[in-house]
Amino acid sequence: TEIFENEDGDMWYKSKISYASVDEKSGKEKKVSNQILVLASNVKDA
């Protein structure tokens, strides 16, 4: 869903994030997961 490029990075890292979202029809809260690709130097930098 997102790609974060970084000119100092040398390795692509795949990340999974999640957040809560409210379903408009039912009004219930649901968990949404997205994958992000980030170019970084190490895991902490990512």
ModelCIF file with pLDDT and N, C-alpha, C, O atoms, coordinates in Angstrom:
data_MODEL
#
_entry.id   MODEL 
#
_entity.id                         1 
_entity.type                       polymer 
_entity.pdbx_number_of_molecules   1 
#
_entity_poly.entity_id                      1 
_entity_poly.type                           'polypeptide(L)' 
_entity_poly.nstd_linkage                   no 
_entity_poly.nstd_monomer                   no 
_entity_poly.pdbx_seq_one_letter_code       TEIFENEDGDMWYKSKISYASVDEKSGKEKKVSNQILVLASNVKDA 
_entity_poly.pdbx_seq_one_letter_code_can   TEIFENEDGDMWYKSKISYASVDEKSGKEKKVSNQILVLASNVKDA 
_entity_poly.pdbx_strand_id                 A 
#
loop_
_entity_poly_seq.entity_id 
_entity_poly_seq.num 
_entity_poly_seq.mon_id 
_entity_poly_seq.hetero 
1 1  THR n 
1 2  GLU n 
1 3  ILE n 
1 4  PHE n 
1 5  GLU n 
1 6  ASN n 
1 7  GLU n 
1 8  ASP n 
1 9  GLY n 
1 10 ASP n 
1 11 MET n 
1 12 TRP n 
1 13 TYR n 
1 14 LYS n 
1 15 SER n 
1 16 LYS n 
1 17 ILE n 
1 18 SER n 
1 19 TYR n 
1 20 ALA n 
1 21 SER n 
1 22 VAL n 
1 23 ASP n 
1 24 GLU n 
1 25 LYS n 
1 26 SER n 
1 27 GLY n 
1 28 LYS n 
1 29 GLU n 
1 30 LYS n 
1 31 LYS n 
1 32 VAL n 
1 33 SER n 
1 34 ASN n 
1 35 GLN n 
1 36 ILE n 
1 37 LEU n 
1 38 VAL n 
1 39 LEU n 
1 40 ALA n 
1 41 SER n 
1 42 ASN n 
1 43 VAL n 
1 44 LYS n 
1 45 ASP n 
1 46 ALA n 
#
_struct_asym.id          A 
_struct_asym.entity_id   1 
#
loop_
_ma_qa_metric.id 
_ma_qa_metric.mode 
_ma_qa_metric.name 
_ma_qa_metric.software_group_id 
_ma_qa_metric.type 
1 global pLDDT . pLDDT 
2 local  pLDDT . pLDDT 
#
_ma_qa_metric_global.metric_id      1 
_ma_qa_metric_global.metric_value   91.91 
_ma_qa_metric_global.model_id       1 
_ma_qa_metric_global.ordinal_id     1 
#
loop_
_ma_qa_metric_local.label_asym_id 
_ma_qa_metric_local.label_comp_id 
_ma_qa_metric_local.label_seq_id 
_ma_qa_metric_local.metric_id 
_ma_qa_metric_local.metric_value 
_ma_qa_metric_local.model_id 
_ma_qa_metric_local.ordinal_id 
A THR 1  2 93.00 1 1  
A GLU 2  2 93.00 1 2  
A ILE 3  2 94.00 1 3  
A PHE 4  2 93.00 1 4  
A GLU 5  2 92.00 1 5  
A ASN 6  2 88.00 1 6  
A GLU 7  2 88.00 1 7  
A ASP 8  2 89.00 1 8  
A GLY 9  2 92.00 1 9  
A ASP 10 2 93.00 1 10 
A MET 11 2 96.00 1 11 
A TRP 12 2 97.00 1 12 
A TYR 13 2 97.00 1 13 
A LYS 14 2 97.00 1 14 
A SER 15 2 96.00 1 15 
A LYS 16 2 96.00 1 16 
A ILE 17 2 95.00 1 17 
A SER 18 2 94.00 1 18 
A TYR 19 2 91.00 1 19 
A ALA 20 2 89.00 1 20 
A SER 21 2 87.00 1 21 
A VAL 22 2 84.00 1 22 
A ASP 23 2 81.00 1 23 
A GLU 24 2 83.00 1 24 
A LYS 25 2 84.00 1 25 
A SER 26 2 85.00 1 26 
A GLY 27 2 83.00 1 27 
A LYS 28 2 88.00 1 28 
A GLU 29 2 87.00 1 29 
A LYS 30 2 89.00 1 30 
A LYS 31 2 90.00 1 31 
A VAL 32 2 91.00 1 32 
A SER 33 2 93.00 1 33 
A ASN 34 2 93.00 1 34 
A GLN 35 2 96.00 1 35 
A ILE 36 2 95.00 1 36 
A LEU 37 2 96.00 1 37 
A VAL 38 2 97.00 1 38 
A LEU 39 2 96.00 1 39 
A ALA 40 2 96.00 1 40 
A SER 41 2 95.00 1 41 
A ASN 42 2 95.00 1 42 
A VAL 43 2 95.00 1 43 
A LYS 44 2 96.00 1 44 
A ASP 45 2 95.00 1 45 
A ALA 46 2 95.00 1 46 
#
loop_
_atom_site.group_PDB 
_atom_site.id 
_atom_site.type_symbol 
_atom_site.label_atom_id 
_atom_site.label_alt_id 
_atom_site.label_comp_id 
_atom_site.label_asym_id 
_atom_site.label_entity_id 
_atom_site.label_seq_id 
_atom_site.pdbx_PDB_ins_code 
_atom_site.Cartn_x 
_atom_site.Cartn_y 
_atom_site.Cartn_z 
_atom_site.occupancy 
_atom_site.B_iso_or_equiv 
_atom_site.pdbx_formal_charge 
_atom_site.auth_seq_id 
_atom_site.auth_comp_id 
_atom_site.auth_asym_id 
_atom_site.auth_atom_id 
_atom_site.pdbx_PDB_model_num 
ATOM 1   N N  . THR A 1 1  ? 0.824   -1.208 0.000  1.00 93.00 ? 1  THR A N  1 
ATOM 2   C CA . THR A 1 1  ? 0.000   0.000  0.000  1.00 93.00 ? 1  THR A CA 1 
ATOM 3   C C  . THR A 1 1  ? 0.861   1.262  0.000  1.00 93.00 ? 1  THR A C  1 
ATOM 4   O O  . THR A 1 1  ? 0.418   2.322  -0.442 1.00 93.00 ? 1  THR A O  1 
ATOM 5   N N  . GLU A 1 2  ? 2.072   1.144  0.490  1.00 93.00 ? 2  GLU A N  1 
ATOM 6   C CA . GLU A 1 2  ? 2.995   2.286  0.527  1.00 93.00 ? 2  GLU A CA 1 
ATOM 7   C C  . GLU A 1 2  ? 4.401   1.802  0.216  1.00 93.00 ? 2  GLU A C  1 
ATOM 8   O O  . GLU A 1 2  ? 4.770   0.670  0.531  1.00 93.00 ? 2  GLU A O  1 
ATOM 9   N N  . ILE A 1 3  ? 5.187   2.689  -0.414 1.00 94.00 ? 3  ILE A N  1 
ATOM 10  C CA . ILE A 1 3  ? 6.600   2.428  -0.636 1.00 94.00 ? 3  ILE A CA 1 
ATOM 11  C C  . ILE A 1 3  ? 7.352   3.661  -0.159 1.00 94.00 ? 3  ILE A C  1 
ATOM 12  O O  . ILE A 1 3  ? 7.123   4.770  -0.643 1.00 94.00 ? 3  ILE A O  1 
ATOM 13  N N  . PHE A 1 4  ? 8.253   3.455  0.796  1.00 93.00 ? 4  PHE A N  1 
ATOM 14  C CA . PHE A 1 4  ? 9.051   4.547  1.321  1.00 93.00 ? 4  PHE A CA 1 
ATOM 15  C C  . PHE A 1 4  ? 10.488  4.367  0.839  1.00 93.00 ? 4  PHE A C  1 
ATOM 16  O O  . PHE A 1 4  ? 11.194  3.457  1.274  1.00 93.00 ? 4  PHE A O  1 
ATOM 17  N N  . GLU A 1 5  ? 10.902  5.244  -0.060 1.00 92.00 ? 5  GLU A N  1 
ATOM 18  C CA . GLU A 1 5  ? 12.269  5.189  -0.567 1.00 92.00 ? 5  GLU A CA 1 
ATOM 19  C C  . GLU A 1 5  ? 13.148  6.094  0.288  1.00 92.00 ? 5  GLU A C  1 
ATOM 20  O O  . GLU A 1 5  ? 12.688  7.096  0.835  1.00 92.00 ? 5  GLU A O  1 
ATOM 21  N N  . ASN A 1 6  ? 14.413  5.724  0.391  1.00 88.00 ? 6  ASN A N  1 
ATOM 22  C CA . ASN A 1 6  ? 15.361  6.446  1.217  1.00 88.00 ? 6  ASN A CA 1 
ATOM 23  C C  . ASN A 1 6  ? 16.714  6.333  0.522  1.00 88.00 ? 6  ASN A C  1 
ATOM 24  O O  . ASN A 1 6  ? 17.239  5.232  0.354  1.00 88.00 ? 6  ASN A O  1 
ATOM 25  N N  . GLU A 1 7  ? 17.272  7.453  0.124  1.00 88.00 ? 7  GLU A N  1 
ATOM 26  C CA . GLU A 1 7  ? 18.533  7.401  -0.641 1.00 88.00 ? 7  GLU A CA 1 
ATOM 27  C C  . GLU A 1 7  ? 19.694  6.823  0.163  1.00 88.00 ? 7  GLU A C  1 
ATOM 28  O O  . GLU A 1 7  ? 20.678  6.378  -0.428 1.00 88.00 ? 7  GLU A O  1 
ATOM 29  N N  . ASP A 1 8  ? 19.610  6.816  1.489  1.00 89.00 ? 8  ASP A N  1 
ATOM 30  C CA . ASP A 1 8  ? 20.675  6.245  2.311  1.00 89.00 ? 8  ASP A CA 1 
ATOM 31  C C  . ASP A 1 8  ? 20.516  4.737  2.498  1.00 89.00 ? 8  ASP A C  1 
ATOM 32  O O  . ASP A 1 8  ? 21.447  4.071  2.949  1.00 89.00 ? 8  ASP A O  1 
ATOM 33  N N  . GLY A 1 9  ? 19.353  4.196  2.158  1.00 92.00 ? 9  GLY A N  1 
ATOM 34  C CA . GLY A 1 9  ? 19.089  2.775  2.366  1.00 92.00 ? 9  GLY A CA 1 
ATOM 35  C C  . GLY A 1 9  ? 19.748  1.903  1.313  1.00 92.00 ? 9  GLY A C  1 
ATOM 36  O O  . GLY A 1 9  ? 20.010  2.343  0.194  1.00 92.00 ? 9  GLY A O  1 
ATOM 37  N N  . ASP A 1 10 ? 20.011  0.655  1.693  1.00 93.00 ? 10 ASP A N  1 
ATOM 38  C CA . ASP A 1 10 ? 20.626  -0.274 0.752  1.00 93.00 ? 10 ASP A CA 1 
ATOM 39  C C  . ASP A 1 10 ? 19.910  -1.624 0.703  1.00 93.00 ? 10 ASP A C  1 
ATOM 40  O O  . ASP A 1 10 ? 20.329  -2.511 -0.041 1.00 93.00 ? 10 ASP A O  1 
ATOM 41  N N  . MET A 1 11 ? 18.841  -1.794 1.481  1.00 96.00 ? 11 MET A N  1 
ATOM 42  C CA . MET A 1 11 ? 18.097  -3.052 1.526  1.00 96.00 ? 11 MET A CA 1 
ATOM 43  C C  . MET A 1 11 ? 16.607  -2.727 1.625  1.00 96.00 ? 11 MET A C  1 
ATOM 44  O O  . MET A 1 11 ? 16.194  -1.839 2.370  1.00 96.00 ? 11 MET A O  1 
ATOM 45  N N  . TRP A 1 12 ? 15.813  -3.471 0.853  1.00 97.00 ? 12 TRP A N  1 
ATOM 46  C CA . TRP A 1 12 ? 14.360  -3.302 0.934  1.00 97.00 ? 12 TRP A CA 1 
ATOM 47  C C  . TRP A 1 12 ? 13.820  -4.175 2.055  1.00 97.00 ? 12 TRP A C  1 
ATOM 48  O O  . TRP A 1 12 ? 14.167  -5.351 2.158  1.00 97.00 ? 12 TRP A O  1 
ATOM 49  N N  . TYR A 1 13 ? 12.964  -3.590 2.899  1.00 97.00 ? 13 TYR A N  1 
ATOM 50  C CA . TYR A 1 13 ? 12.337  -4.302 3.996  1.00 97.00 ? 13 TYR A CA 1 
ATOM 51  C C  . TYR A 1 13 ? 10.825  -4.299 3.799  1.00 97.00 ? 13 TYR A C  1 
ATOM 52  O O  . TYR A 1 13 ? 10.225  -3.280 3.456  1.00 97.00 ? 13 TYR A O  1 
ATOM 53  N N  . LYS A 1 14 ? 10.235  -5.454 4.022  1.00 97.00 ? 14 LYS A N  1 
ATOM 54  C CA . LYS A 1 14 ? 8.788   -5.622 3.926  1.00 97.00 ? 14 LYS A CA 1 
ATOM 55  C C  . LYS A 1 14 ? 8.231   -5.508 5.337  1.00 97.00 ? 14 LYS A C  1 
ATOM 56  O O  . LYS A 1 14 ? 8.752   -6.118 6.271  1.00 97.00 ? 14 LYS A O  1 
ATOM 57  N N  . SER A 1 15 ? 7.186   -4.734 5.484  1.00 96.00 ? 15 SER A N  1 
ATOM 58  C CA . SER A 1 15 ? 6.611   -4.514 6.801  1.00 96.00 ? 15 SER A CA 1 
ATOM 59  C C  . SER A 1 15 ? 5.099   -4.708 6.755  1.00 96.00 ? 15 SER A C  1 
ATOM 60  O O  . SER A 1 15 ? 4.450   -4.428 5.747  1.00 96.00 ? 15 SER A O  1 
ATOM 61  N N  . LYS A 1 16 ? 4.563   -5.185 7.852  1.00 96.00 ? 16 LYS A N  1 
ATOM 62  C CA . LYS A 1 16 ? 3.112   -5.328 7.971  1.00 96.00 ? 16 LYS A CA 1 
ATOM 63  C C  . LYS A 1 16 ? 2.666   -4.435 9.126  1.00 96.00 ? 16 LYS A C  1 
ATOM 64  O O  . LYS A 1 16 ? 3.150   -4.558 10.252 1.00 96.00 ? 16 LYS A O  1 
ATOM 65  N N  . ILE A 1 17 ? 1.737   -3.535 8.822  1.00 95.00 ? 17 ILE A N  1 
ATOM 66  C CA . ILE A 1 17 ? 1.185   -2.680 9.878  1.00 95.00 ? 17 ILE A CA 1 
ATOM 67  C C  . ILE A 1 17 ? -0.304  -2.986 10.000 1.00 95.00 ? 17 ILE A C  1 
ATOM 68  O O  . ILE A 1 17 ? -0.922  -3.482 9.058  1.00 95.00 ? 17 ILE A O  1 
ATOM 69  N N  . SER A 1 18 ? -0.868  -2.690 11.151 1.00 94.00 ? 18 SER A N  1 
ATOM 70  C CA . SER A 1 18 ? -2.305  -2.866 11.354 1.00 94.00 ? 18 SER A CA 1 
ATOM 71  C C  . SER A 1 18 ? -2.848  -1.705 12.169 1.00 94.00 ? 18 SER A C  1 
ATOM 72  O O  . SER A 1 18 ? -2.152  -1.087 12.976 1.00 94.00 ? 18 SER A O  1 
ATOM 73  N N  . TYR A 1 19 ? -4.114  -1.440 11.922 1.00 91.00 ? 19 TYR A N  1 
ATOM 74  C CA . TYR A 1 19 ? -4.804  -0.381 12.658 1.00 91.00 ? 19 TYR A CA 1 
ATOM 75  C C  . TYR A 1 19 ? -6.288  -0.709 12.706 1.00 91.00 ? 19 TYR A C  1 
ATOM 76  O O  . TYR A 1 19 ? -6.776  -1.530 11.929 1.00 91.00 ? 19 TYR A O  1 
ATOM 77  N N  . ALA A 1 20 ? -6.994  -0.072 13.612 1.00 89.00 ? 20 ALA A N  1 
ATOM 78  C CA . ALA A 1 20 ? -8.431  -0.304 13.766 1.00 89.00 ? 20 ALA A CA 1 
ATOM 79  C C  . ALA A 1 20 ? -9.201  0.667  12.875 1.00 89.00 ? 20 ALA A C  1 
ATOM 80  O O  . ALA A 1 20 ? -8.853  1.843  12.766 1.00 89.00 ? 20 ALA A O  1 
ATOM 81  N N  . SER A 1 21 ? -10.252 0.150  12.241 1.00 87.00 ? 21 SER A N  1 
ATOM 82  C CA . SER A 1 21 ? -11.106 0.959  11.381 1.00 87.00 ? 21 SER A CA 1 
ATOM 83  C C  . SER A 1 21 ? -12.552 0.603  11.685 1.00 87.00 ? 21 SER A C  1 
ATOM 84  O O  . SER A 1 21 ? -12.847 -0.528 12.072 1.00 87.00 ? 21 SER A O  1 
ATOM 85  N N  . VAL A 1 22 ? -13.444 1.553  11.514 1.00 84.00 ? 22 VAL A N  1 
ATOM 86  C CA . VAL A 1 22 ? -14.859 1.316  11.778 1.00 84.00 ? 22 VAL A CA 1 
ATOM 87  C C  . VAL A 1 22 ? -15.567 1.048  10.461 1.00 84.00 ? 22 VAL A C  1 
ATOM 88  O O  . VAL A 1 22 ? -15.463 1.833  9.518  1.00 84.00 ? 22 VAL A O  1 
ATOM 89  N N  . ASP A 1 23 ? -16.300 -0.083 10.402 1.00 81.00 ? 23 ASP A N  1 
ATOM 90  C CA . ASP A 1 23 ? -17.090 -0.431 9.227  1.00 81.00 ? 23 ASP A CA 1 
ATOM 91  C C  . ASP A 1 23 ? -18.295 0.505  9.173  1.00 81.00 ? 23 ASP A C  1 
ATOM 92  O O  . ASP A 1 23 ? -19.078 0.572  10.120 1.00 81.00 ? 23 ASP A O  1 
ATOM 93  N N  . GLU A 1 24 ? -18.440 1.229  8.057  1.00 83.00 ? 24 GLU A N  1 
ATOM 94  C CA . GLU A 1 24 ? -19.506 2.230  7.937  1.00 83.00 ? 24 GLU A CA 1 
ATOM 95  C C  . GLU A 1 24 ? -20.909 1.619  8.000  1.00 83.00 ? 24 GLU A C  1 
ATOM 96  O O  . GLU A 1 24 ? -21.816 2.229  8.565  1.00 83.00 ? 24 GLU A O  1 
ATOM 97  N N  . LYS A 1 25 ? -21.099 0.437  7.436  1.00 84.00 ? 25 LYS A N  1 
ATOM 98  C CA . LYS A 1 25 ? -22.430 -0.186 7.400  1.00 84.00 ? 25 LYS A CA 1 
ATOM 99  C C  . LYS A 1 25 ? -22.849 -0.739 8.756  1.00 84.00 ? 25 LYS A C  1 
ATOM 100 O O  . LYS A 1 25 ? -23.946 -0.458 9.238  1.00 84.00 ? 25 LYS A O  1 
ATOM 101 N N  . SER A 1 26 ? -21.971 -1.524 9.367  1.00 85.00 ? 26 SER A N  1 
ATOM 102 C CA . SER A 1 26 ? -22.346 -2.184 10.622 1.00 85.00 ? 26 SER A CA 1 
ATOM 103 C C  . SER A 1 26 ? -21.973 -1.363 11.856 1.00 85.00 ? 26 SER A C  1 
ATOM 104 O O  . SER A 1 26 ? -22.518 -1.589 12.936 1.00 85.00 ? 26 SER A O  1 
ATOM 105 N N  . GLY A 1 27 ? -21.049 -0.414 11.702 1.00 83.00 ? 27 GLY A N  1 
ATOM 106 C CA . GLY A 1 27 ? -20.607 0.380  12.842 1.00 83.00 ? 27 GLY A CA 1 
ATOM 107 C C  . GLY A 1 27 ? -19.633 -0.355 13.748 1.00 83.00 ? 27 GLY A C  1 
ATOM 108 O O  . GLY A 1 27 ? -19.260 0.150  14.807 1.00 83.00 ? 27 GLY A O  1 
ATOM 109 N N  . LYS A 1 28 ? -19.215 -1.561 13.328 1.00 88.00 ? 28 LYS A N  1 
ATOM 110 C CA . LYS A 1 28 ? -18.293 -2.349 14.144 1.00 88.00 ? 28 LYS A CA 1 
ATOM 111 C C  . LYS A 1 28 ? -16.849 -2.013 13.786 1.00 88.00 ? 28 LYS A C  1 
ATOM 112 O O  . LYS A 1 28 ? -16.526 -1.644 12.657 1.00 88.00 ? 28 LYS A O  1 
ATOM 113 N N  . GLU A 1 29 ? -16.002 -2.158 14.795 1.00 87.00 ? 29 GLU A N  1 
ATOM 114 C CA . GLU A 1 29 ? -14.577 -1.917 14.591 1.00 87.00 ? 29 GLU A CA 1 
ATOM 115 C C  . GLU A 1 29 ? -13.930 -3.180 14.010 1.00 87.00 ? 29 GLU A C  1 
ATOM 116 O O  . GLU A 1 29 ? -14.202 -4.295 14.456 1.00 87.00 ? 29 GLU A O  1 
ATOM 117 N N  . LYS A 1 30 ? -13.079 -2.984 13.017 1.00 89.00 ? 30 LYS A N  1 
ATOM 118 C CA . LYS A 1 30 ? -12.371 -4.128 12.436 1.00 89.00 ? 30 LYS A CA 1 
ATOM 119 C C  . LYS A 1 30 ? -10.892 -3.786 12.308 1.00 89.00 ? 30 LYS A C  1 
ATOM 120 O O  . LYS A 1 30 ? -10.509 -2.617 12.260 1.00 89.00 ? 30 LYS A O  1 
ATOM 121 N N  . LYS A 1 31 ? -10.075 -4.822 12.254 1.00 90.00 ? 31 LYS A N  1 
ATOM 122 C CA . LYS A 1 31 ? -8.633  -4.653 12.133 1.00 90.00 ? 31 LYS A CA 1 
ATOM 123 C C  . LYS A 1 31 ? -8.246  -4.672 10.654 1.00 90.00 ? 31 LYS A C  1 
ATOM 124 O O  . LYS A 1 31 ? -8.626  -5.585 9.922  1.00 90.00 ? 31 LYS A O  1 
ATOM 125 N N  . VAL A 1 32 ? -7.491  -3.663 10.216 1.00 91.00 ? 32 VAL A N  1 
ATOM 126 C CA . VAL A 1 32 ? -7.029  -3.561 8.839  1.00 91.00 ? 32 VAL A CA 1 
ATOM 127 C C  . VAL A 1 32 ? -5.519  -3.736 8.829  1.00 91.00 ? 32 VAL A C  1 
ATOM 128 O O  . VAL A 1 32 ? -4.805  -3.125 9.625  1.00 91.00 ? 32 VAL A O  1 
ATOM 129 N N  . SER A 1 33 ? -5.037  -4.585 7.912  1.00 93.00 ? 33 SER A N  1 
ATOM 130 C CA . SER A 1 33 ? -3.592  -4.810 7.778  1.00 93.00 ? 33 SER A CA 1 
ATOM 131 C C  . SER A 1 33 ? -3.126  -4.337 6.415  1.00 93.00 ? 33 SER A C  1 
ATOM 132 O O  . SER A 1 33 ? -3.809  -4.549 5.413  1.00 93.00 ? 33 SER A O  1 
ATOM 133 N N  . ASN A 1 34 ? -1.983  -3.707 6.374  1.00 93.00 ? 34 ASN A N  1 
ATOM 134 C CA . ASN A 1 34 ? -1.373  -3.243 5.129  1.00 93.00 ? 34 ASN A CA 1 
ATOM 135 C C  . ASN A 1 34 ? 0.093   -3.648 5.101  1.00 93.00 ? 34 ASN A C  1 
ATOM 136 O O  . ASN A 1 34 ? 0.745   -3.770 6.138  1.00 93.00 ? 34 ASN A O  1 
ATOM 137 N N  . GLN A 1 35 ? 0.595   -3.852 3.878  1.00 96.00 ? 35 GLN A N  1 
ATOM 138 C CA . GLN A 1 35 ? 2.009   -4.136 3.703  1.00 96.00 ? 35 GLN A CA 1 
ATOM 139 C C  . GLN A 1 35 ? 2.703   -2.903 3.153  1.00 96.00 ? 35 GLN A C  1 
ATOM 140 O O  . GLN A 1 35 ? 2.195   -2.232 2.255  1.00 96.00 ? 35 GLN A O  1 
ATOM 141 N N  . ILE A 1 36 ? 3.867   -2.620 3.704  1.00 95.00 ? 36 ILE A N  1 
ATOM 142 C CA . ILE A 1 36 ? 4.652   -1.448 3.309  1.00 95.00 ? 36 ILE A CA 1 
ATOM 143 C C  . ILE A 1 36 ? 6.052   -1.934 2.934  1.00 95.00 ? 36 ILE A C  1 
ATOM 144 O O  . ILE A 1 36 ? 6.606   -2.825 3.576  1.00 95.00 ? 36 ILE A O  1 
ATOM 145 N N  . LEU A 1 37 ? 6.603   -1.341 1.897  1.00 96.00 ? 37 LEU A N  1 
ATOM 146 C CA . LEU A 1 37 ? 7.973   -1.638 1.486  1.00 96.00 ? 37 LEU A CA 1 
ATOM 147 C C  . LEU A 1 37 ? 8.817   -0.404 1.773  1.00 96.00 ? 37 LEU A C  1 
ATOM 148 O O  . LEU A 1 37 ? 8.462   0.705  1.371  1.00 96.00 ? 37 LEU A O  1 
ATOM 149 N N  . VAL A 1 38 ? 9.931   -0.597 2.467  1.00 97.00 ? 38 VAL A N  1 
ATOM 150 C CA . VAL A 1 38 ? 10.761  0.546  2.843  1.00 97.00 ? 38 VAL A CA 1 
ATOM 151 C C  . VAL A 1 38 ? 12.232  0.241  2.551  1.00 97.00 ? 38 VAL A C  1 
ATOM 152 O O  . VAL A 1 38 ? 12.727  -0.845 2.853  1.00 97.00 ? 38 VAL A O  1 
ATOM 153 N N  . LEU A 1 39 ? 12.913  1.211  1.963  1.00 96.00 ? 39 LEU A N  1 
ATOM 154 C CA . LEU A 1 39 ? 14.344  1.092  1.678  1.00 96.00 ? 39 LEU A CA 1 
ATOM 155 C C  . LEU A 1 39 ? 15.087  1.686  2.870  1.00 96.00 ? 39 LEU A C  1 
ATOM 156 O O  . LEU A 1 39 ? 14.939  2.868  3.183  1.00 96.00 ? 39 LEU A O  1 
ATOM 157 N N  . ALA A 1 40 ? 15.886  0.851  3.530  1.00 96.00 ? 40 ALA A N  1 
ATOM 158 C CA . ALA A 1 40 ? 16.560  1.297  4.754  1.00 96.00 ? 40 ALA A CA 1 
ATOM 159 C C  . ALA A 1 40 ? 17.907  0.598  4.898  1.00 96.00 ? 40 ALA A C  1 
ATOM 160 O O  . ALA A 1 40 ? 18.239  -0.317 4.145  1.00 96.00 ? 40 ALA A O  1 
ATOM 161 N N  . SER A 1 41 ? 18.675  1.057  5.891  1.00 95.00 ? 41 SER A N  1 
ATOM 162 C CA . SER A 1 41 ? 20.007  0.497  6.157  1.00 95.00 ? 41 SER A CA 1 
ATOM 163 C C  . SER A 1 41 ? 19.942  -0.759 7.016  1.00 95.00 ? 41 SER A C  1 
ATOM 164 O O  . SER A 1 41 ? 20.759  -1.667 6.862  1.00 95.00 ? 41 SER A O  1 
ATOM 165 N N  . ASN A 1 42 ? 18.961  -0.809 7.928  1.00 95.00 ? 42 ASN A N  1 
ATOM 166 C CA . ASN A 1 42 ? 18.793  -1.957 8.817  1.00 95.00 ? 42 ASN A CA 1 
ATOM 167 C C  . ASN A 1 42 ? 17.356  -1.957 9.337  1.00 95.00 ? 42 ASN A C  1 
ATOM 168 O O  . ASN A 1 42 ? 16.566  -1.087 8.970  1.00 95.00 ? 42 ASN A O  1 
ATOM 169 N N  . VAL A 1 43 ? 17.015  -2.915 10.181 1.00 95.00 ? 43 VAL A N  1 
ATOM 170 C CA . VAL A 1 43 ? 15.642  -3.044 10.675 1.00 95.00 ? 43 VAL A CA 1 
ATOM 171 C C  . VAL A 1 43 ? 15.230  -1.821 11.504 1.00 95.00 ? 43 VAL A C  1 
ATOM 172 O O  . VAL A 1 43 ? 14.111  -1.328 11.367 1.00 95.00 ? 43 VAL A O  1 
ATOM 173 N N  . LYS A 1 44 ? 16.121  -1.338 12.353 1.00 96.00 ? 44 LYS A N  1 
ATOM 174 C CA . LYS A 1 44 ? 15.802  -0.148 13.164 1.00 96.00 ? 44 LYS A CA 1 
ATOM 175 C C  . LYS A 1 44 ? 15.545  1.056  12.269 1.00 96.00 ? 44 LYS A C  1 
ATOM 176 O O  . LYS A 1 44 ? 14.609  1.820  12.505 1.00 96.00 ? 44 LYS A O  1 
ATOM 177 N N  . ASP A 1 45 ? 16.375  1.229  11.240 1.00 95.00 ? 45 ASP A N  1 
ATOM 178 C CA . ASP A 1 45 ? 16.183  2.325  10.295 1.00 95.00 ? 45 ASP A CA 1 
ATOM 179 C C  . ASP A 1 45 ? 14.839  2.171  9.575  1.00 95.00 ? 45 ASP A C  1 
ATOM 180 O O  . ASP A 1 45 ? 14.137  3.160  9.366  1.00 95.00 ? 45 ASP A O  1 
ATOM 181 N N  . ALA A 1 46 ? 14.478  0.943  9.195  1.00 95.00 ? 46 ALA A N  1 
ATOM 182 C CA . ALA A 1 46 ? 13.185  0.680  8.545  1.00 95.00 ? 46 ALA A CA 1 
ATOM 183 C C  . ALA A 1 46 ? 12.043  1.063  9.484  1.00 95.00 ? 46 ALA A C  1 
ATOM 184 O O  . ALA A 1 46 ? 10.874  0.918  9.126  1.00 95.00 ? 46 ALA A O  1 
#
